[in-house]
N, C-alpha and C. Protein backbone atom coordinates (compact mmCIF):
# COMPACT_ATOMS: atom_id res chain seq x y z
N UNK A 1 -73.40 -101.74 114.61
CA UNK A 1 -72.45 -102.69 114.01
C UNK A 1 -72.37 -103.91 114.90
N UNK A 2 -72.32 -105.09 114.29
CA UNK A 2 -72.14 -106.31 115.02
C UNK A 2 -71.09 -107.14 114.30
N UNK A 3 -70.31 -107.95 115.03
CA UNK A 3 -69.16 -108.61 114.42
C UNK A 3 -69.39 -110.05 113.99
N UNK A 4 -70.24 -110.80 114.69
CA UNK A 4 -70.32 -112.22 114.38
C UNK A 4 -71.72 -112.73 114.02
N UNK A 5 -72.75 -112.45 114.83
CA UNK A 5 -74.03 -113.10 114.59
C UNK A 5 -74.62 -112.72 113.24
N UNK A 6 -75.41 -113.62 112.64
CA UNK A 6 -76.02 -113.33 111.35
C UNK A 6 -77.14 -112.31 111.48
N UNK A 7 -77.57 -111.71 110.36
CA UNK A 7 -78.68 -110.77 110.43
C UNK A 7 -79.92 -111.44 110.99
N UNK A 8 -80.75 -110.68 111.69
CA UNK A 8 -81.95 -111.24 112.29
C UNK A 8 -83.21 -110.66 111.69
N UNK A 9 -83.09 -109.72 110.75
CA UNK A 9 -84.28 -109.14 110.16
C UNK A 9 -83.96 -108.66 108.75
N UNK A 10 -85.04 -108.26 108.06
CA UNK A 10 -84.88 -107.78 106.69
C UNK A 10 -84.17 -106.44 106.64
N UNK A 11 -84.02 -105.79 107.77
CA UNK A 11 -83.35 -104.48 107.79
C UNK A 11 -81.86 -104.61 108.06
N UNK A 12 -81.34 -105.83 108.12
CA UNK A 12 -79.92 -106.05 108.35
C UNK A 12 -79.21 -106.38 107.04
N UNK A 13 -77.93 -106.06 107.01
CA UNK A 13 -77.14 -106.33 105.81
C UNK A 13 -75.74 -106.77 106.20
N UNK A 14 -75.27 -107.86 105.60
CA UNK A 14 -73.90 -108.31 105.80
C UNK A 14 -72.99 -107.49 104.88
N UNK A 15 -71.98 -106.86 105.45
CA UNK A 15 -71.06 -106.03 104.68
C UNK A 15 -69.86 -106.86 104.25
N UNK A 16 -69.64 -106.95 102.95
CA UNK A 16 -68.48 -107.70 102.45
C UNK A 16 -67.31 -106.74 102.23
N UNK A 17 -66.19 -107.28 101.80
CA UNK A 17 -64.97 -106.47 101.64
C UNK A 17 -65.17 -105.31 100.67
N UNK A 18 -65.79 -105.58 99.53
CA UNK A 18 -65.95 -104.54 98.51
C UNK A 18 -66.84 -103.42 99.01
N UNK A 19 -67.98 -103.76 99.62
CA UNK A 19 -68.89 -102.71 100.08
C UNK A 19 -68.34 -101.99 101.30
N UNK A 20 -67.51 -102.67 102.10
CA UNK A 20 -66.87 -101.99 103.23
C UNK A 20 -65.89 -100.93 102.72
N UNK A 21 -65.11 -101.27 101.71
CA UNK A 21 -64.16 -100.30 101.16
C UNK A 21 -64.89 -99.11 100.56
N UNK A 22 -66.07 -99.35 99.98
CA UNK A 22 -66.85 -98.26 99.41
C UNK A 22 -67.43 -97.36 100.50
N UNK A 23 -67.77 -97.93 101.64
CA UNK A 23 -68.40 -97.18 102.72
C UNK A 23 -67.39 -96.38 103.53
N UNK A 24 -66.18 -96.92 103.67
CA UNK A 24 -65.20 -96.37 104.62
C UNK A 24 -64.58 -95.06 104.13
N UNK A 25 -65.41 -94.05 104.05
CA UNK A 25 -64.97 -92.70 103.72
C UNK A 25 -65.64 -91.78 104.73
N UNK A 26 -64.91 -90.89 105.39
CA UNK A 26 -65.49 -90.07 106.46
C UNK A 26 -66.77 -89.34 106.06
N UNK A 27 -66.82 -88.76 104.86
CA UNK A 27 -68.01 -88.01 104.46
C UNK A 27 -69.18 -88.95 104.19
N UNK A 28 -68.92 -90.09 103.59
CA UNK A 28 -70.01 -91.04 103.33
C UNK A 28 -70.60 -91.56 104.64
N UNK A 29 -69.75 -91.81 105.60
CA UNK A 29 -70.23 -92.27 106.90
C UNK A 29 -71.07 -91.21 107.59
N UNK A 30 -70.67 -89.94 107.46
CA UNK A 30 -71.45 -88.85 108.06
C UNK A 30 -72.79 -88.70 107.34
N UNK A 31 -72.80 -88.86 106.03
CA UNK A 31 -74.05 -88.80 105.27
C UNK A 31 -74.99 -89.90 105.73
N UNK A 32 -74.47 -91.11 105.88
CA UNK A 32 -75.29 -92.22 106.32
C UNK A 32 -75.84 -91.97 107.73
N UNK A 33 -75.02 -91.37 108.60
CA UNK A 33 -75.49 -91.02 109.95
C UNK A 33 -76.67 -90.06 109.88
N UNK A 34 -76.56 -89.03 109.04
CA UNK A 34 -77.64 -88.04 108.95
C UNK A 34 -78.92 -88.67 108.42
N UNK A 35 -78.81 -89.54 107.44
CA UNK A 35 -79.99 -90.20 106.92
C UNK A 35 -80.60 -91.14 107.95
N UNK A 36 -79.76 -91.71 108.82
CA UNK A 36 -80.26 -92.59 109.88
C UNK A 36 -80.98 -91.79 110.96
N UNK A 37 -80.38 -90.66 111.36
CA UNK A 37 -80.89 -89.89 112.49
C UNK A 37 -82.04 -88.96 112.13
N UNK A 38 -82.05 -88.45 110.90
CA UNK A 38 -83.03 -87.42 110.54
C UNK A 38 -83.94 -87.83 109.38
N UNK A 39 -83.79 -89.03 108.87
CA UNK A 39 -84.65 -89.48 107.80
C UNK A 39 -84.20 -89.02 106.43
N UNK A 40 -85.05 -89.22 105.44
CA UNK A 40 -84.72 -88.92 104.04
C UNK A 40 -84.35 -87.46 103.86
N UNK A 41 -83.48 -87.21 102.87
CA UNK A 41 -83.03 -85.84 102.64
C UNK A 41 -82.53 -85.72 101.20
N UNK A 42 -82.27 -84.48 100.81
CA UNK A 42 -81.73 -84.19 99.48
C UNK A 42 -80.25 -83.84 99.60
N UNK A 43 -79.57 -83.82 98.48
CA UNK A 43 -78.15 -83.47 98.50
C UNK A 43 -77.95 -82.05 98.99
N UNK A 44 -78.86 -81.14 98.64
CA UNK A 44 -78.72 -79.75 99.06
C UNK A 44 -78.87 -79.61 100.58
N UNK A 45 -79.85 -80.29 101.15
CA UNK A 45 -80.06 -80.22 102.60
C UNK A 45 -78.90 -80.87 103.35
N UNK A 46 -78.41 -82.00 102.84
CA UNK A 46 -77.27 -82.66 103.47
C UNK A 46 -76.02 -81.80 103.37
N UNK A 47 -75.82 -81.18 102.23
CA UNK A 47 -74.65 -80.32 102.04
C UNK A 47 -74.66 -79.17 103.03
N UNK A 48 -75.85 -78.61 103.28
CA UNK A 48 -75.98 -77.50 104.23
C UNK A 48 -75.62 -77.96 105.64
N UNK A 49 -76.10 -79.13 106.02
CA UNK A 49 -75.80 -79.66 107.35
C UNK A 49 -74.31 -79.98 107.51
N UNK A 50 -73.70 -80.46 106.44
CA UNK A 50 -72.32 -80.92 106.50
C UNK A 50 -71.31 -79.81 106.19
N UNK A 51 -71.79 -78.70 105.68
CA UNK A 51 -70.88 -77.63 105.28
C UNK A 51 -70.05 -78.01 104.08
N UNK A 52 -70.65 -78.78 103.17
CA UNK A 52 -69.94 -79.27 101.99
C UNK A 52 -70.61 -78.74 100.72
N UNK A 53 -69.91 -78.87 99.59
CA UNK A 53 -70.44 -78.52 98.29
C UNK A 53 -71.52 -79.52 97.88
N UNK A 54 -72.62 -79.02 97.30
CA UNK A 54 -73.72 -79.89 96.90
C UNK A 54 -73.28 -80.94 95.88
N UNK A 55 -72.42 -80.54 94.94
CA UNK A 55 -71.94 -81.49 93.95
C UNK A 55 -71.15 -82.62 94.57
N UNK A 56 -70.33 -82.30 95.58
CA UNK A 56 -69.55 -83.33 96.26
C UNK A 56 -70.46 -84.31 96.99
N UNK A 57 -71.46 -83.78 97.69
CA UNK A 57 -72.39 -84.63 98.42
C UNK A 57 -73.18 -85.50 97.45
N UNK A 58 -73.59 -84.94 96.32
CA UNK A 58 -74.33 -85.72 95.32
C UNK A 58 -73.50 -86.89 94.80
N UNK A 59 -72.22 -86.64 94.59
CA UNK A 59 -71.33 -87.71 94.10
C UNK A 59 -71.25 -88.85 95.12
N UNK A 60 -71.12 -88.50 96.40
CA UNK A 60 -71.05 -89.53 97.44
C UNK A 60 -72.39 -90.24 97.62
N UNK A 61 -73.48 -89.53 97.44
CA UNK A 61 -74.80 -90.16 97.51
C UNK A 61 -74.95 -91.21 96.41
N UNK A 62 -74.53 -90.88 95.22
CA UNK A 62 -74.61 -91.85 94.12
C UNK A 62 -73.74 -93.06 94.41
N UNK A 63 -72.59 -92.83 95.02
CA UNK A 63 -71.69 -93.94 95.37
C UNK A 63 -72.34 -94.84 96.42
N UNK A 64 -72.95 -94.25 97.43
CA UNK A 64 -73.64 -95.03 98.46
C UNK A 64 -74.81 -95.81 97.86
N UNK A 65 -75.52 -95.19 96.92
CA UNK A 65 -76.64 -95.87 96.27
C UNK A 65 -76.16 -97.03 95.40
N UNK A 66 -75.05 -96.82 94.72
CA UNK A 66 -74.48 -97.87 93.85
C UNK A 66 -74.17 -99.13 94.65
N UNK A 67 -73.74 -98.95 95.88
CA UNK A 67 -73.40 -100.09 96.72
C UNK A 67 -74.52 -100.51 97.66
N UNK A 68 -75.71 -99.97 97.45
CA UNK A 68 -76.89 -100.44 98.16
C UNK A 68 -77.08 -99.95 99.57
N UNK A 69 -76.36 -98.91 99.98
CA UNK A 69 -76.54 -98.40 101.34
C UNK A 69 -77.73 -97.46 101.46
N UNK A 70 -78.07 -96.77 100.37
CA UNK A 70 -79.20 -95.87 100.37
C UNK A 70 -80.01 -96.11 99.10
N UNK A 71 -81.21 -95.55 99.07
CA UNK A 71 -82.06 -95.67 97.89
C UNK A 71 -82.88 -94.41 97.74
N UNK A 72 -83.32 -94.16 96.51
CA UNK A 72 -84.13 -92.98 96.26
C UNK A 72 -85.54 -93.21 96.78
N UNK A 73 -86.11 -92.19 97.38
CA UNK A 73 -87.48 -92.28 97.89
C UNK A 73 -88.44 -91.96 96.76
N UNK A 74 -89.17 -92.97 96.31
CA UNK A 74 -90.05 -92.82 95.17
C UNK A 74 -91.24 -91.94 95.52
N UNK A 75 -91.71 -91.20 94.51
CA UNK A 75 -92.88 -90.37 94.68
C UNK A 75 -92.62 -89.08 95.44
N UNK A 76 -91.36 -88.74 95.62
CA UNK A 76 -91.02 -87.52 96.34
C UNK A 76 -89.93 -86.77 95.58
N UNK A 77 -90.06 -85.46 95.53
CA UNK A 77 -89.04 -84.67 94.86
C UNK A 77 -89.27 -84.57 93.37
N UNK A 78 -88.27 -84.07 92.67
CA UNK A 78 -88.33 -83.86 91.22
C UNK A 78 -87.07 -84.42 90.58
N UNK A 79 -86.96 -84.26 89.27
CA UNK A 79 -85.76 -84.73 88.59
C UNK A 79 -84.52 -83.98 89.06
N UNK A 80 -84.72 -82.73 89.48
CA UNK A 80 -83.58 -81.92 89.93
C UNK A 80 -83.35 -82.03 91.43
N UNK A 81 -84.37 -82.51 92.15
CA UNK A 81 -84.25 -82.63 93.61
C UNK A 81 -84.65 -84.04 94.02
N UNK A 82 -83.68 -84.89 94.18
CA UNK A 82 -83.94 -86.28 94.53
C UNK A 82 -83.81 -86.46 96.04
N UNK A 83 -84.71 -87.24 96.61
CA UNK A 83 -84.68 -87.53 98.05
C UNK A 83 -84.10 -88.92 98.25
N UNK A 84 -83.19 -89.02 99.21
CA UNK A 84 -82.51 -90.28 99.50
C UNK A 84 -82.80 -90.73 100.92
N UNK A 85 -82.90 -92.03 101.11
CA UNK A 85 -83.11 -92.58 102.44
C UNK A 85 -82.20 -93.78 102.65
N UNK A 86 -81.92 -94.06 103.91
CA UNK A 86 -81.08 -95.21 104.22
C UNK A 86 -81.86 -96.50 103.94
N UNK A 87 -81.16 -97.50 103.43
CA UNK A 87 -81.82 -98.74 103.04
C UNK A 87 -81.80 -99.77 104.16
N UNK A 88 -80.63 -100.05 104.74
CA UNK A 88 -80.50 -101.06 105.79
C UNK A 88 -80.18 -100.39 107.11
N UNK A 89 -80.93 -100.71 108.16
CA UNK A 89 -80.73 -100.07 109.45
C UNK A 89 -79.55 -100.66 110.21
N UNK A 90 -79.25 -101.92 110.00
CA UNK A 90 -78.22 -102.59 110.79
C UNK A 90 -77.18 -103.21 109.86
N UNK A 91 -75.92 -102.79 110.03
CA UNK A 91 -74.83 -103.34 109.23
C UNK A 91 -74.11 -104.40 110.06
N UNK A 92 -73.92 -105.57 109.48
CA UNK A 92 -73.27 -106.69 110.15
C UNK A 92 -71.91 -106.92 109.51
N UNK A 93 -70.85 -106.76 110.30
CA UNK A 93 -69.49 -107.01 109.82
C UNK A 93 -68.98 -108.31 110.42
N UNK A 94 -68.87 -109.34 109.60
CA UNK A 94 -68.31 -110.61 110.05
C UNK A 94 -66.81 -110.56 109.81
N UNK A 95 -66.12 -110.04 110.80
CA UNK A 95 -64.70 -109.73 110.61
C UNK A 95 -63.87 -110.96 110.27
N UNK A 96 -64.24 -112.11 110.74
CA UNK A 96 -63.45 -113.31 110.46
C UNK A 96 -63.59 -113.74 109.00
N UNK A 97 -64.65 -113.28 108.33
CA UNK A 97 -64.87 -113.66 106.94
C UNK A 97 -64.34 -112.62 105.97
N UNK A 98 -64.05 -111.43 106.46
CA UNK A 98 -63.52 -110.39 105.58
C UNK A 98 -62.06 -110.71 105.24
N UNK A 99 -61.66 -110.38 104.04
CA UNK A 99 -60.28 -110.63 103.64
C UNK A 99 -59.34 -109.75 104.45
N UNK A 100 -58.11 -110.17 104.55
CA UNK A 100 -57.13 -109.44 105.36
C UNK A 100 -56.14 -108.66 104.51
N UNK A 101 -56.54 -108.30 103.28
CA UNK A 101 -55.64 -107.51 102.45
C UNK A 101 -55.53 -106.11 103.01
N UNK A 102 -54.42 -105.42 102.76
CA UNK A 102 -54.18 -104.10 103.37
C UNK A 102 -55.30 -103.09 103.12
N UNK A 103 -55.90 -103.10 101.91
CA UNK A 103 -56.94 -102.13 101.59
C UNK A 103 -58.18 -102.35 102.45
N UNK A 104 -58.55 -103.60 102.65
CA UNK A 104 -59.71 -103.90 103.48
C UNK A 104 -59.43 -103.59 104.94
N UNK A 105 -58.22 -103.90 105.40
CA UNK A 105 -57.86 -103.59 106.79
C UNK A 105 -57.89 -102.09 107.03
N UNK A 106 -57.44 -101.30 106.06
CA UNK A 106 -57.48 -99.84 106.19
C UNK A 106 -58.92 -99.36 106.24
N UNK A 107 -59.79 -99.95 105.41
CA UNK A 107 -61.20 -99.57 105.42
C UNK A 107 -61.85 -99.92 106.75
N UNK A 108 -61.50 -101.08 107.30
CA UNK A 108 -62.03 -101.48 108.60
C UNK A 108 -61.60 -100.51 109.68
N UNK A 109 -60.36 -100.03 109.61
CA UNK A 109 -59.86 -99.08 110.59
C UNK A 109 -60.63 -97.76 110.53
N UNK A 110 -60.89 -97.27 109.31
CA UNK A 110 -61.67 -96.04 109.15
C UNK A 110 -63.07 -96.21 109.71
N UNK A 111 -63.70 -97.32 109.38
CA UNK A 111 -65.07 -97.58 109.83
C UNK A 111 -65.13 -97.67 111.35
N UNK A 112 -64.22 -98.41 111.94
CA UNK A 112 -64.23 -98.57 113.39
C UNK A 112 -63.97 -97.25 114.11
N UNK A 113 -63.06 -96.44 113.58
CA UNK A 113 -62.77 -95.15 114.20
C UNK A 113 -64.02 -94.27 114.18
N UNK A 114 -64.69 -94.22 113.05
CA UNK A 114 -65.91 -93.43 112.95
C UNK A 114 -66.99 -93.99 113.88
N UNK A 115 -67.11 -95.31 113.91
CA UNK A 115 -68.12 -95.96 114.75
C UNK A 115 -67.88 -95.63 116.23
N UNK A 116 -66.62 -95.65 116.66
CA UNK A 116 -66.29 -95.33 118.04
C UNK A 116 -66.63 -93.88 118.36
N UNK A 117 -66.30 -92.97 117.45
CA UNK A 117 -66.61 -91.56 117.66
C UNK A 117 -68.11 -91.34 117.76
N UNK A 118 -68.87 -91.98 116.88
CA UNK A 118 -70.32 -91.82 116.89
C UNK A 118 -70.91 -92.41 118.18
N UNK A 119 -70.39 -93.54 118.62
CA UNK A 119 -70.87 -94.15 119.86
C UNK A 119 -70.66 -93.20 121.04
N UNK A 120 -69.47 -92.60 121.10
CA UNK A 120 -69.18 -91.66 122.19
C UNK A 120 -70.09 -90.44 122.12
N UNK A 121 -70.28 -89.89 120.93
CA UNK A 121 -71.10 -88.69 120.77
C UNK A 121 -72.55 -88.95 121.18
N UNK A 122 -73.09 -90.11 120.83
CA UNK A 122 -74.47 -90.42 121.19
C UNK A 122 -74.61 -90.59 122.69
N UNK A 123 -73.62 -91.21 123.33
CA UNK A 123 -73.66 -91.36 124.79
C UNK A 123 -73.55 -90.00 125.46
N UNK A 124 -72.69 -89.14 124.93
CA UNK A 124 -72.53 -87.80 125.51
C UNK A 124 -73.82 -87.01 125.42
N UNK A 125 -74.53 -87.13 124.30
CA UNK A 125 -75.81 -86.43 124.16
C UNK A 125 -76.84 -86.97 125.16
N UNK A 126 -76.83 -88.28 125.36
CA UNK A 126 -77.77 -88.88 126.31
C UNK A 126 -77.49 -88.41 127.73
N UNK A 127 -76.22 -88.27 128.09
CA UNK A 127 -75.85 -87.85 129.45
C UNK A 127 -76.02 -86.35 129.67
N UNK A 128 -76.16 -85.59 128.58
CA UNK A 128 -76.25 -84.14 128.70
C UNK A 128 -77.58 -83.69 129.31
N UNK A 129 -78.60 -84.54 129.23
CA UNK A 129 -79.91 -84.20 129.78
C UNK A 129 -80.16 -85.07 131.02
N UNK A 130 -80.16 -84.49 132.23
CA UNK A 130 -80.38 -85.27 133.45
C UNK A 130 -81.76 -85.93 133.45
N UNK A 131 -81.84 -87.21 133.83
CA UNK A 131 -83.15 -87.89 133.85
C UNK A 131 -84.03 -87.37 134.98
N UNK A 132 -85.32 -87.51 134.80
CA UNK A 132 -86.28 -87.10 135.82
C UNK A 132 -87.31 -88.20 136.03
N UNK A 133 -88.03 -88.11 137.13
CA UNK A 133 -89.11 -89.06 137.40
C UNK A 133 -88.63 -90.50 137.46
N UNK A 134 -89.40 -91.39 136.85
CA UNK A 134 -89.07 -92.82 136.87
C UNK A 134 -87.81 -93.14 136.07
N UNK A 135 -87.33 -92.20 135.25
CA UNK A 135 -86.12 -92.45 134.47
C UNK A 135 -84.87 -92.36 135.33
N UNK A 136 -84.95 -91.75 136.51
CA UNK A 136 -83.79 -91.67 137.40
C UNK A 136 -83.41 -93.08 137.86
N UNK A 137 -82.18 -93.48 137.59
CA UNK A 137 -81.72 -94.81 137.99
C UNK A 137 -82.10 -95.92 137.03
N UNK A 138 -82.80 -95.60 135.94
CA UNK A 138 -83.21 -96.64 135.00
C UNK A 138 -82.05 -97.06 134.09
N UNK A 139 -81.11 -96.14 133.87
CA UNK A 139 -79.96 -96.45 133.02
C UNK A 139 -78.84 -97.12 133.79
N UNK A 140 -77.80 -97.50 133.06
CA UNK A 140 -76.68 -98.17 133.70
C UNK A 140 -75.43 -97.95 132.87
N UNK A 141 -74.31 -97.66 133.53
CA UNK A 141 -73.01 -97.58 132.88
C UNK A 141 -72.03 -98.41 133.68
N UNK A 142 -71.42 -99.39 133.04
CA UNK A 142 -70.50 -100.29 133.74
C UNK A 142 -69.27 -100.55 132.89
N UNK A 143 -68.19 -100.95 133.53
CA UNK A 143 -66.95 -101.23 132.81
C UNK A 143 -66.17 -102.31 133.55
N UNK A 144 -65.74 -103.31 132.80
CA UNK A 144 -64.86 -104.35 133.34
C UNK A 144 -63.61 -104.40 132.48
N UNK A 145 -62.48 -104.00 133.00
CA UNK A 145 -61.26 -103.98 132.20
C UNK A 145 -60.19 -104.93 132.69
N UNK A 146 -60.53 -105.79 133.66
CA UNK A 146 -59.52 -106.67 134.25
C UNK A 146 -59.90 -108.14 134.15
N UNK A 147 -60.80 -108.48 133.22
CA UNK A 147 -61.24 -109.86 133.04
C UNK A 147 -60.37 -110.54 131.99
N UNK A 148 -59.99 -111.79 132.25
CA UNK A 148 -59.20 -112.56 131.28
C UNK A 148 -60.06 -113.67 130.67
N UNK A 149 -60.07 -113.74 129.33
CA UNK A 149 -60.89 -114.71 128.62
C UNK A 149 -60.14 -115.25 127.41
N UNK A 150 -60.60 -116.37 126.92
CA UNK A 150 -60.11 -116.90 125.64
C UNK A 150 -60.93 -116.26 124.52
N UNK A 151 -60.46 -116.33 123.27
CA UNK A 151 -61.26 -115.79 122.16
C UNK A 151 -62.67 -116.39 122.10
N UNK A 152 -62.79 -117.70 122.32
CA UNK A 152 -64.11 -118.34 122.29
C UNK A 152 -65.01 -117.83 123.40
N UNK A 153 -64.45 -117.61 124.59
CA UNK A 153 -65.25 -117.10 125.70
C UNK A 153 -65.74 -115.68 125.42
N UNK A 154 -64.86 -114.84 124.85
CA UNK A 154 -65.24 -113.47 124.54
C UNK A 154 -66.32 -113.44 123.46
N UNK A 155 -66.17 -114.30 122.45
CA UNK A 155 -67.14 -114.37 121.37
C UNK A 155 -68.50 -114.84 121.91
N UNK A 156 -68.49 -115.82 122.79
CA UNK A 156 -69.73 -116.33 123.37
C UNK A 156 -70.41 -115.26 124.22
N UNK A 157 -69.63 -114.49 124.96
CA UNK A 157 -70.19 -113.42 125.78
C UNK A 157 -70.89 -112.38 124.90
N UNK A 158 -70.23 -111.94 123.83
CA UNK A 158 -70.82 -110.96 122.94
C UNK A 158 -72.11 -111.46 122.31
N UNK A 159 -72.12 -112.71 121.85
CA UNK A 159 -73.31 -113.27 121.24
C UNK A 159 -74.47 -113.38 122.23
N UNK A 160 -74.15 -113.77 123.47
CA UNK A 160 -75.20 -113.90 124.48
C UNK A 160 -75.78 -112.54 124.86
N UNK A 161 -74.93 -111.51 124.94
CA UNK A 161 -75.42 -110.18 125.24
C UNK A 161 -76.35 -109.68 124.13
N UNK A 162 -75.99 -109.98 122.88
CA UNK A 162 -76.86 -109.60 121.77
C UNK A 162 -78.22 -110.27 121.87
N UNK A 163 -78.22 -111.54 122.25
CA UNK A 163 -79.48 -112.26 122.38
C UNK A 163 -80.35 -111.66 123.47
N UNK A 164 -79.73 -111.24 124.58
CA UNK A 164 -80.49 -110.60 125.66
C UNK A 164 -81.13 -109.30 125.15
N UNK A 165 -80.35 -108.50 124.43
CA UNK A 165 -80.87 -107.24 123.89
C UNK A 165 -82.02 -107.51 122.93
N UNK A 166 -81.88 -108.53 122.09
CA UNK A 166 -82.95 -108.85 121.14
C UNK A 166 -84.23 -109.26 121.87
N UNK A 167 -84.10 -109.99 122.98
CA UNK A 167 -85.29 -110.41 123.73
C UNK A 167 -86.02 -109.23 124.35
N UNK A 168 -85.27 -108.19 124.71
CA UNK A 168 -85.86 -107.04 125.38
C UNK A 168 -86.24 -105.91 124.44
N UNK A 169 -85.86 -106.01 123.17
CA UNK A 169 -86.20 -104.97 122.21
C UNK A 169 -87.64 -105.16 121.75
N UNK A 170 -88.49 -104.15 121.94
CA UNK A 170 -89.90 -104.29 121.57
C UNK A 170 -90.08 -104.52 120.07
N UNK A 171 -91.15 -105.20 119.73
CA UNK A 171 -91.51 -105.42 118.34
C UNK A 171 -91.85 -104.06 117.71
N UNK A 172 -91.17 -103.68 116.61
CA UNK A 172 -91.44 -102.38 116.00
C UNK A 172 -92.88 -102.23 115.51
N UNK A 173 -93.58 -103.37 115.32
CA UNK A 173 -94.97 -103.31 114.86
C UNK A 173 -95.96 -103.19 116.01
N UNK A 174 -95.48 -103.39 117.24
CA UNK A 174 -96.38 -103.35 118.41
C UNK A 174 -96.68 -101.91 118.81
N UNK A 175 -97.84 -101.69 119.46
CA UNK A 175 -98.17 -100.33 119.93
C UNK A 175 -97.11 -99.83 120.91
N UNK A 176 -96.79 -98.54 120.84
CA UNK A 176 -95.78 -97.95 121.71
C UNK A 176 -96.47 -97.37 122.94
N UNK A 177 -96.08 -97.80 124.16
CA UNK A 177 -96.69 -97.24 125.38
C UNK A 177 -96.49 -95.72 125.45
N UNK A 178 -97.43 -95.03 126.06
CA UNK A 178 -97.39 -93.58 126.11
C UNK A 178 -96.14 -93.07 126.82
N UNK A 179 -95.66 -93.82 127.83
CA UNK A 179 -94.50 -93.37 128.61
C UNK A 179 -93.17 -93.75 127.98
N UNK A 180 -93.19 -94.46 126.85
CA UNK A 180 -91.95 -94.90 126.21
C UNK A 180 -91.20 -93.72 125.59
N UNK A 181 -89.88 -93.76 125.73
CA UNK A 181 -89.00 -92.74 125.16
C UNK A 181 -87.85 -93.44 124.43
N UNK A 182 -87.19 -92.78 123.48
CA UNK A 182 -86.01 -93.39 122.85
C UNK A 182 -84.93 -93.69 123.90
N UNK A 183 -84.31 -94.84 123.78
CA UNK A 183 -83.22 -95.20 124.68
C UNK A 183 -81.99 -95.57 123.86
N UNK A 184 -80.83 -95.44 124.48
CA UNK A 184 -79.57 -95.77 123.82
C UNK A 184 -78.99 -97.02 124.47
N UNK A 185 -78.73 -98.04 123.66
CA UNK A 185 -78.15 -99.29 124.15
C UNK A 185 -76.80 -99.48 123.47
N UNK A 186 -75.75 -99.57 124.26
CA UNK A 186 -74.40 -99.77 123.71
C UNK A 186 -73.65 -100.79 124.56
N UNK A 187 -72.80 -101.57 123.91
CA UNK A 187 -71.85 -102.39 124.66
C UNK A 187 -70.69 -102.74 123.74
N UNK A 188 -69.55 -102.99 124.36
CA UNK A 188 -68.38 -103.44 123.61
C UNK A 188 -67.76 -104.62 124.36
N UNK A 189 -67.37 -105.63 123.64
CA UNK A 189 -66.57 -106.72 124.22
C UNK A 189 -65.32 -106.83 123.33
N UNK A 190 -64.21 -106.30 123.81
CA UNK A 190 -63.01 -106.17 122.99
C UNK A 190 -61.80 -106.77 123.69
N UNK A 191 -60.94 -107.44 122.95
CA UNK A 191 -59.70 -107.93 123.54
C UNK A 191 -58.75 -106.77 123.80
N UNK A 192 -58.18 -106.72 125.00
CA UNK A 192 -57.22 -105.67 125.36
C UNK A 192 -55.81 -106.17 125.04
N UNK A 193 -55.51 -106.28 123.76
CA UNK A 193 -54.22 -106.81 123.33
C UNK A 193 -53.12 -105.76 123.50
N UNK A 194 -51.91 -106.17 123.81
CA UNK A 194 -50.81 -105.20 123.98
C UNK A 194 -50.45 -104.55 122.65
N UNK A 195 -50.05 -103.30 122.71
CA UNK A 195 -49.58 -102.62 121.52
C UNK A 195 -48.24 -103.22 121.07
N UNK A 196 -47.92 -103.11 119.78
CA UNK A 196 -46.65 -103.67 119.29
C UNK A 196 -45.44 -103.17 120.07
N UNK A 197 -45.46 -101.89 120.48
CA UNK A 197 -44.33 -101.35 121.24
C UNK A 197 -44.22 -101.98 122.62
N UNK A 198 -45.38 -102.35 123.17
CA UNK A 198 -45.39 -102.98 124.48
C UNK A 198 -44.83 -104.40 124.40
N UNK A 199 -45.07 -105.09 123.26
CA UNK A 199 -44.60 -106.45 123.11
C UNK A 199 -43.08 -106.51 122.99
N UNK A 200 -42.49 -105.46 122.41
CA UNK A 200 -41.06 -105.47 122.18
C UNK A 200 -40.25 -105.04 123.39
N UNK A 201 -40.93 -104.50 124.39
CA UNK A 201 -40.19 -104.03 125.58
C UNK A 201 -39.92 -105.19 126.53
């Protein structure tokens, strides 16, 4: 998820208010995660992974397809067994352009909560396996919680960090070196605003 910069490839999608409200359902978000992490799947296989009823999963798959988040994989499966795959790899949320009506704000809250949980889970999985060889010391975890910035400064910092990541991300069409392994890249630049209860004290 990214908040401000425009899409940079054909695999990116700008999420508007309507499609955000359609996506912001815990089960739909989990389905999208599974399709992202494990590739195309059927409603029956997804239902087994999620511990859900196949009919329920099928209904949510159709809803995700209706709003363009997933698509049917042509030439695979049968009329009774349809295979679904994720359509856009990168979702771009331009929060300043999204409407501020209560329904959209609630959907944004659901999406952000799920996104935070998924970010933590992926980092935890990465840390669960100790690095060896040249991978020792190659990663980095840092935190700055005492910096003061204006909104424009924070926005500029986030955009510049994204540009750095884009410069270092290999071309997906280029040959992959033999020693290359999947890596996890995460960062957050968030305003540490006081809670409403803190403001009233």
